[in-house]
């Protein structure tokens, strides 16, 4: 690959990610070869391998570009010394923010659709599966910590173990997004999502703590 400035290299990288989004959404991940992504981005085959060692690395970079703000919101839940009620409200706000981004941000919507509907977990994408597993595992663990902290601070007891409640929350949350992406005319994701989350936290006996 010819020597380029840092800015030029970053521009090429972003064009490759843009092309990957569109082609993965149109054709599916396993059916889209890297050289076609390079061609769609106006780059050479060498350029794509200079930026990404394989399709899994490209896919993960594409996902991270869109979901990094959402992942950061969940990472912030792990702050030590922060009031437990504030952490619970931050968790609720992060979930609502993810729903809003799915509806209103085109890039977030595309990558969620790709990850939900356009990917097969074949061997070449093992790293993609592992990255998704780690992200979910981290979000569930952080949610469990928040629930436990709230119970410790308020003296309340959950109707189910905190680890199971955290797992159930993300099963419900992922199900909302996945079903909406399959047929967006079925329901209003933000409206039904907020109602569903409220009902879920009400079932845990915590919904009255979600707002100041």
C-alpha atoms as a PDB file:
ATOM      1  CA  UNK A   1       0.000   0.000   0.000  1.00  0.00           C
ATOM      2  CA  UNK A   2       1.527   3.379  -0.942  1.00  0.00           C
ATOM      3  CA  UNK A   3       2.562   5.566   1.929  1.00  0.00           C
ATOM      4  CA  UNK A   4      -0.270   7.885   2.954  1.00  0.00           C
ATOM      5  CA  UNK A   5      -0.750  10.537   5.542  1.00  0.00           C
ATOM      6  CA  UNK A   6      -2.535   9.553   8.737  1.00  0.00           C
ATOM      7  CA  UNK A   7      -5.594  11.563   7.671  1.00  0.00           C
ATOM      8  CA  UNK A   8      -5.709   9.901   4.246  1.00  0.00           C
ATOM      9  CA  UNK A   9      -5.386   6.455   5.798  1.00  0.00           C
ATOM     10  CA  UNK A  10      -8.226   7.185   8.217  1.00  0.00           C
ATOM     11  CA  UNK A  11     -10.407   8.445   5.374  1.00  0.00           C
ATOM     12  CA  UNK A  12      -9.809   5.197   3.478  1.00  0.00           C
ATOM     13  CA  UNK A  13     -10.639   3.197   6.596  1.00  0.00           C
ATOM     14  CA  UNK A  14     -13.929   5.050   7.040  1.00  0.00           C
ATOM     15  CA  UNK A  15     -14.843   4.504   3.370  1.00  0.00           C
ATOM     16  CA  UNK A  16     -14.206   0.796   3.794  1.00  0.00           C
ATOM     17  CA  UNK A  17     -16.456   0.683   6.855  1.00  0.00           C
ATOM     18  CA  UNK A  18     -19.161   2.623   5.010  1.00  0.00           C
ATOM     19  CA  UNK A  19     -19.012   0.182   2.095  1.00  0.00           C
ATOM     20  CA  UNK A  20     -19.084  -2.804   4.449  1.00  0.00           C
ATOM     21  CA  UNK A  21     -22.246  -1.509   6.131  1.00  0.00           C
ATOM     22  CA  UNK A  22     -24.097  -1.178   2.856  1.00  0.00           C
ATOM     23  CA  UNK A  23     -22.932  -4.450   1.311  1.00  0.00           C
ATOM     24  CA  UNK A  24     -23.413  -6.519   4.465  1.00  0.00           C
ATOM     25  CA  UNK A  25     -26.958  -5.141   4.771  1.00  0.00           C
ATOM     26  CA  UNK A  26     -27.721  -5.876   1.123  1.00  0.00           C
ATOM     27  CA  UNK A  27     -26.100  -9.299   0.729  1.00  0.00           C
ATOM     28  CA  UNK A  28     -25.349 -10.655   4.171  1.00  0.00           C
ATOM     29  CA  UNK A  29     -21.964 -10.928   5.841  1.00  0.00           C
ATOM     30  CA  UNK A  30     -20.822 -14.371   4.715  1.00  0.00           C
ATOM     31  CA  UNK A  31     -21.742 -13.659   1.069  1.00  0.00           C
ATOM     32  CA  UNK A  32     -19.763 -10.436   0.829  1.00  0.00           C
ATOM     33  CA  UNK A  33     -16.062 -10.948   0.010  1.00  0.00           C
ATOM     34  CA  UNK A  34     -13.537  -8.393   1.186  1.00  0.00           C
ATOM     35  CA  UNK A  35     -12.359  -7.525  -2.315  1.00  0.00           C
ATOM     36  CA  UNK A  36     -15.882  -6.391  -3.221  1.00  0.00           C
ATOM     37  CA  UNK A  37     -15.964  -4.134  -0.188  1.00  0.00           C
ATOM     38  CA  UNK A  38     -12.637  -2.653  -1.273  1.00  0.00           C
ATOM     39  CA  UNK A  39     -13.960  -2.075  -4.798  1.00  0.00           C
ATOM     40  CA  UNK A  40     -17.142  -0.419  -3.514  1.00  0.00           C
ATOM     41  CA  UNK A  41     -15.020   1.888  -1.364  1.00  0.00           C
ATOM     42  CA  UNK A  42     -12.785   2.809  -4.299  1.00  0.00           C
ATOM     43  CA  UNK A  43      -9.826   1.163  -2.596  1.00  0.00           C
ATOM     44  CA  UNK A  44      -7.445  -1.643  -3.516  1.00  0.00           C
ATOM     45  CA  UNK A  45      -7.479  -5.193  -2.179  1.00  0.00           C
ATOM     46  CA  UNK A  46      -4.216  -4.371  -0.438  1.00  0.00           C
ATOM     47  CA  UNK A  47      -5.771  -1.395   1.290  1.00  0.00           C
ATOM     48  CA  UNK A  48      -8.450  -3.441   3.011  1.00  0.00           C
ATOM     49  CA  UNK A  49      -5.885  -5.931   4.340  1.00  0.00           C
ATOM     50  CA  UNK A  50      -3.683  -3.062   5.478  1.00  0.00           C
ATOM     51  CA  UNK A  51      -6.521  -1.808   7.684  1.00  0.00           C
ATOM     52  CA  UNK A  52      -8.158  -5.126   8.673  1.00  0.00           C
ATOM     53  CA  UNK A  53      -6.566  -8.538   8.988  1.00  0.00           C
ATOM     54  CA  UNK A  54      -9.812 -10.376   8.122  1.00  0.00           C
ATOM     55  CA  UNK A  55     -13.575 -10.010   7.764  1.00  0.00           C
ATOM     56  CA  UNK A  56     -14.186 -10.493  11.482  1.00  0.00           C
ATOM     57  CA  UNK A  57     -11.941  -7.561  12.360  1.00  0.00           C
ATOM     58  CA  UNK A  58     -13.679  -5.413   9.753  1.00  0.00           C
ATOM     59  CA  UNK A  59     -17.106  -6.432  11.057  1.00  0.00           C
ATOM     60  CA  UNK A  60     -16.193  -5.666  14.665  1.00  0.00           C
ATOM     61  CA  UNK A  61     -14.778  -2.269  13.680  1.00  0.00           C
ATOM     62  CA  UNK A  62     -17.991  -1.511  11.804  1.00  0.00           C
ATOM     63  CA  UNK A  63     -20.070  -2.441  14.855  1.00  0.00           C
ATOM     64  CA  UNK A  64     -17.884  -0.510  17.280  1.00  0.00           C
ATOM     65  CA  UNK A  65     -18.109   2.649  15.199  1.00  0.00           C
ATOM     66  CA  UNK A  66     -21.878   2.694  15.696  1.00  0.00           C
ATOM     67  CA  UNK A  67     -22.252   1.128  19.140  1.00  0.00           C
ATOM     68  CA  UNK A  68     -19.300   2.658  21.023  1.00  0.00           C
ATOM     69  CA  UNK A  69     -21.479   5.395  22.602  1.00  0.00           C
ATOM     70  CA  UNK A  70     -23.928   2.727  23.787  1.00  0.00           C
ATOM     71  CA  UNK A  71     -21.142   0.528  25.154  1.00  0.00           C
ATOM     72  CA  UNK A  72     -19.641   3.530  26.932  1.00  0.00           C
ATOM     73  CA  UNK A  73     -22.983   4.266  28.560  1.00  0.00           C
ATOM     74  CA  UNK A  74     -23.003   0.777  30.069  1.00  0.00           C
ATOM     75  CA  UNK A  75     -19.319   0.995  31.002  1.00  0.00           C
ATOM     76  CA  UNK A  76     -20.088   4.162  32.965  1.00  0.00           C
ATOM     77  CA  UNK A  77     -22.440   2.141  35.178  1.00  0.00           C
ATOM     78  CA  UNK A  78     -19.362   0.598  36.770  1.00  0.00           C
ATOM     79  CA  UNK A  79     -18.298   3.861  38.382  1.00  0.00           C
ATOM     80  CA  UNK A  80     -17.245   3.356  41.966  1.00  0.00           C
ATOM     81  CA  UNK A  81     -18.536   5.627  44.694  1.00  0.00           C
ATOM     82  CA  UNK A  82     -21.564   6.765  42.676  1.00  0.00           C
ATOM     83  CA  UNK A  83     -24.972   6.771  44.332  1.00  0.00           C
ATOM     84  CA  UNK A  84     -26.797   3.503  43.624  1.00  0.00           C
ATOM     85  CA  UNK A  85     -30.025   5.244  42.598  1.00  0.00           C
ATOM     86  CA  UNK A  86     -28.123   7.385  40.107  1.00  0.00           C
ATOM     87  CA  UNK A  87     -26.575   4.242  38.627  1.00  0.00           C
ATOM     88  CA  UNK A  88     -30.041   2.680  38.280  1.00  0.00           C
ATOM     89  CA  UNK A  89     -31.313   5.785  36.489  1.00  0.00           C
ATOM     90  CA  UNK A  90     -28.238   5.779  34.262  1.00  0.00           C
ATOM     91  CA  UNK A  91     -28.971   2.144  33.373  1.00  0.00           C
ATOM     92  CA  UNK A  92     -32.549   3.008  32.473  1.00  0.00           C
ATOM     93  CA  UNK A  93     -31.389   6.025  30.441  1.00  0.00           C
ATOM     94  CA  UNK A  94     -28.825   3.878  28.589  1.00  0.00           C
ATOM     95  CA  UNK A  95     -31.511   1.368  27.619  1.00  0.00           C
ATOM     96  CA  UNK A  96     -33.852   4.113  26.412  1.00  0.00           C
ATOM     97  CA  UNK A  97     -30.953   5.730  24.554  1.00  0.00           C
ATOM     98  CA  UNK A  98     -30.222   2.479  22.732  1.00  0.00           C
ATOM     99  CA  UNK A  99     -33.862   2.225  21.646  1.00  0.00           C
ATOM    100  CA  UNK A 100     -33.832   5.829  20.433  1.00  0.00           C
ATOM    101  CA  UNK A 101     -30.586   5.325  18.512  1.00  0.00           C
ATOM    102  CA  UNK A 102     -31.996   2.212  16.860  1.00  0.00           C
ATOM    103  CA  UNK A 103     -35.006   4.183  15.616  1.00  0.00           C
ATOM    104  CA  UNK A 104     -33.434   7.522  14.729  1.00  0.00           C
ATOM    105  CA  UNK A 105     -29.759   6.930  13.898  1.00  0.00           C
ATOM    106  CA  UNK A 106     -29.378   5.374  10.455  1.00  0.00           C
ATOM    107  CA  UNK A 107     -25.950   3.889  11.130  1.00  0.00           C
ATOM    108  CA  UNK A 108     -26.979   2.291  14.408  1.00  0.00           C
ATOM    109  CA  UNK A 109     -30.086   0.890  12.743  1.00  0.00           C
ATOM    110  CA  UNK A 110     -28.039  -0.580   9.876  1.00  0.00           C
ATOM    111  CA  UNK A 111     -25.467  -2.308  12.057  1.00  0.00           C
ATOM    112  CA  UNK A 112     -28.125  -3.698  14.408  1.00  0.00           C
ATOM    113  CA  UNK A 113     -30.004  -5.034  11.383  1.00  0.00           C
ATOM    114  CA  UNK A 114     -26.819  -6.632  10.059  1.00  0.00           C
ATOM    115  CA  UNK A 115     -25.949  -8.172  13.430  1.00  0.00           C
ATOM    116  CA  UNK A 116     -29.506  -9.448  13.898  1.00  0.00           C
ATOM    117  CA  UNK A 117     -30.607 -10.475  10.418  1.00  0.00           C
ATOM    118  CA  UNK A 118     -27.637 -10.618   8.061  1.00  0.00           C
ATOM    119  CA  UNK A 119     -24.954 -12.679   9.789  1.00  0.00           C
ATOM    120  CA  UNK A 120     -24.209 -16.390   9.980  1.00  0.00           C
ATOM    121  CA  UNK A 121     -21.838 -17.533  12.674  1.00  0.00           C
ATOM    122  CA  UNK A 122     -19.514 -19.490  10.395  1.00  0.00           C
ATOM    123  CA  UNK A 123     -15.936 -20.232  11.409  1.00  0.00           C
ATOM    124  CA  UNK A 124     -14.446 -17.158   9.728  1.00  0.00           C
ATOM    125  CA  UNK A 125     -16.579 -15.022  12.040  1.00  0.00           C
ATOM    126  CA  UNK A 126     -15.729 -16.727  15.333  1.00  0.00           C
ATOM    127  CA  UNK A 127     -14.142 -13.477  16.539  1.00  0.00           C
ATOM    128  CA  UNK A 128     -17.406 -11.655  15.865  1.00  0.00           C
ATOM    129  CA  UNK A 129     -19.367 -14.123  17.977  1.00  0.00           C
ATOM    130  CA  UNK A 130     -16.787 -13.838  20.764  1.00  0.00           C
ATOM    131  CA  UNK A 131     -16.923 -10.024  20.684  1.00  0.00           C
ATOM    132  CA  UNK A 132     -20.723 -10.050  20.935  1.00  0.00           C
ATOM    133  CA  UNK A 133     -20.625 -12.603  23.743  1.00  0.00           C
ATOM    134  CA  UNK A 134     -18.132 -10.509  25.709  1.00  0.00           C
ATOM    135  CA  UNK A 135     -20.153  -7.303  25.251  1.00  0.00           C
ATOM    136  CA  UNK A 136     -23.364  -8.968  26.401  1.00  0.00           C
ATOM    137  CA  UNK A 137     -21.624 -10.656  29.312  1.00  0.00           C
ATOM    138  CA  UNK A 138     -20.177  -7.317  30.427  1.00  0.00           C
ATOM    139  CA  UNK A 139     -23.512  -5.495  30.142  1.00  0.00           C
ATOM    140  CA  UNK A 140     -25.291  -8.203  32.124  1.00  0.00           C
ATOM    141  CA  UNK A 141     -22.602  -8.191  34.823  1.00  0.00           C
ATOM    142  CA  UNK A 142     -22.750  -4.406  35.161  1.00  0.00           C
ATOM    143  CA  UNK A 143     -26.548  -4.515  35.348  1.00  0.00           C
ATOM    144  CA  UNK A 144     -26.359  -7.162  38.064  1.00  0.00           C
ATOM    145  CA  UNK A 145     -23.995  -4.929  40.046  1.00  0.00           C
ATOM    146  CA  UNK A 146     -26.391  -1.997  39.733  1.00  0.00           C
ATOM    147  CA  UNK A 147     -29.347  -4.075  40.925  1.00  0.00           C
ATOM    148  CA  UNK A 148     -27.382  -5.413  43.875  1.00  0.00           C
ATOM    149  CA  UNK A 149     -26.189  -1.914  44.802  1.00  0.00           C
ATOM    150  CA  UNK A 150     -29.743  -0.545  44.716  1.00  0.00           C
ATOM    151  CA  UNK A 151     -30.997  -3.354  46.930  1.00  0.00           C
ATOM    152  CA  UNK A 152     -28.164  -2.774  49.398  1.00  0.00           C
ATOM    153  CA  UNK A 153     -28.845   0.969  49.473  1.00  0.00           C
ATOM    154  CA  UNK A 154     -32.632   0.759  49.816  1.00  0.00           C
ATOM    155  CA  UNK A 155     -33.089  -2.437  51.779  1.00  0.00           C
ATOM    156  CA  UNK A 156     -35.324  -3.861  49.059  1.00  0.00           C
ATOM    157  CA  UNK A 157     -35.280  -7.471  47.941  1.00  0.00           C
ATOM    158  CA  UNK A 158     -35.693  -8.529  44.326  1.00  0.00           C
ATOM    159  CA  UNK A 159     -38.262 -11.253  43.520  1.00  0.00           C
ATOM    160  CA  UNK A 160     -35.514 -13.181  41.704  1.00  0.00           C
ATOM    161  CA  UNK A 161     -31.716 -13.369  41.976  1.00  0.00           C
ATOM    162  CA  UNK A 162     -29.980 -10.272  40.587  1.00  0.00           C
ATOM    163  CA  UNK A 163     -27.960 -12.249  38.040  1.00  0.00           C
ATOM    164  CA  UNK A 164     -31.134 -13.832  36.623  1.00  0.00           C
ATOM    165  CA  UNK A 165     -32.923 -10.473  36.582  1.00  0.00           C
ATOM    166  CA  UNK A 166     -30.054  -8.947  34.609  1.00  0.00           C
ATOM    167  CA  UNK A 167     -30.083 -11.814  32.113  1.00  0.00           C
ATOM    168  CA  UNK A 168     -33.865 -11.556  31.716  1.00  0.00           C
ATOM    169  CA  UNK A 169     -33.655  -7.802  31.120  1.00  0.00           C
ATOM    170  CA  UNK A 170     -31.384  -8.265  28.124  1.00  0.00           C
ATOM    171  CA  UNK A 171     -33.431 -11.143  26.739  1.00  0.00           C
ATOM    172  CA  UNK A 172     -36.441  -8.799  26.739  1.00  0.00           C
ATOM    173  CA  UNK A 173     -34.423  -5.842  25.438  1.00  0.00           C
ATOM    174  CA  UNK A 174     -32.786  -7.766  22.580  1.00  0.00           C
ATOM    175  CA  UNK A 175     -36.143  -9.299  21.697  1.00  0.00           C
ATOM    176  CA  UNK A 176     -37.733  -5.870  21.331  1.00  0.00           C
ATOM    177  CA  UNK A 177     -35.044  -4.654  18.950  1.00  0.00           C
ATOM    178  CA  UNK A 178     -34.855  -7.886  16.952  1.00  0.00           C
ATOM    179  CA  UNK A 179     -38.602  -8.098  16.411  1.00  0.00           C
ATOM    180  CA  UNK A 180     -38.850  -4.449  15.416  1.00  0.00           C
ATOM    181  CA  UNK A 181     -36.040  -4.859  12.873  1.00  0.00           C
ATOM    182  CA  UNK A 182     -37.872  -7.801  11.299  1.00  0.00           C
ATOM    183  CA  UNK A 183     -41.078  -5.787  10.844  1.00  0.00           C
ATOM    184  CA  UNK A 184     -40.941  -2.113  11.772  1.00  0.00           C
ATOM    185  CA  UNK A 185     -44.646  -1.623  11.140  1.00  0.00           C
ATOM    186  CA  UNK A 186     -45.674  -3.910  13.993  1.00  0.00           C
ATOM    187  CA  UNK A 187     -45.078  -1.493  16.850  1.00  0.00           C
ATOM    188  CA  UNK A 188     -43.436   1.750  17.914  1.00  0.00           C
ATOM    189  CA  UNK A 189     -40.109   0.599  19.330  1.00  0.00           C
ATOM    190  CA  UNK A 190     -39.575   3.593  21.580  1.00  0.00           C
ATOM    191  CA  UNK A 191     -43.097   3.634  22.966  1.00  0.00           C
ATOM    192  CA  UNK A 192     -43.456  -0.103  23.503  1.00  0.00           C
ATOM    193  CA  UNK A 193     -39.856  -0.354  24.643  1.00  0.00           C
ATOM    194  CA  UNK A 194     -40.306   2.247  27.373  1.00  0.00           C
ATOM    195  CA  UNK A 195     -43.568   0.654  28.504  1.00  0.00           C
ATOM    196  CA  UNK A 196     -41.971  -2.787  28.578  1.00  0.00           C
ATOM    197  CA  UNK A 197     -38.955  -1.608  30.553  1.00  0.00           C
ATOM    198  CA  UNK A 198     -41.243   0.124  33.042  1.00  0.00           C
ATOM    199  CA  UNK A 199     -43.248  -3.079  33.510  1.00  0.00           C
ATOM    200  CA  UNK A 200     -40.033  -5.079  33.910  1.00  0.00           C
ATOM    201  CA  UNK A 201     -38.652  -2.770  36.608  1.00  0.00           C
ATOM    202  CA  UNK A 202     -42.085  -2.696  38.255  1.00  0.00           C
ATOM    203  CA  UNK A 203     -41.909  -6.462  38.471  1.00  0.00           C
ATOM    204  CA  UNK A 204     -38.581  -6.074  40.264  1.00  0.00           C
ATOM    205  CA  UNK A 205     -40.152  -3.525  42.630  1.00  0.00           C
ATOM    206  CA  UNK A 206     -37.863  -0.735  41.425  1.00  0.00           C
ATOM    207  CA  UNK A 207     -39.882   1.336  38.942  1.00  0.00           C
ATOM    208  CA  UNK A 208     -40.587   4.093  41.478  1.00  0.00           C
ATOM    209  CA  UNK A 209     -36.824   4.693  41.678  1.00  0.00           C
ATOM    210  CA  UNK A 210     -36.272   5.318  37.985  1.00  0.00           C
ATOM    211  CA  UNK A 211     -37.010   9.044  38.117  1.00  0.00           C
ATOM    212  CA  UNK A 212     -35.855  11.623  40.683  1.00  0.00           C
END
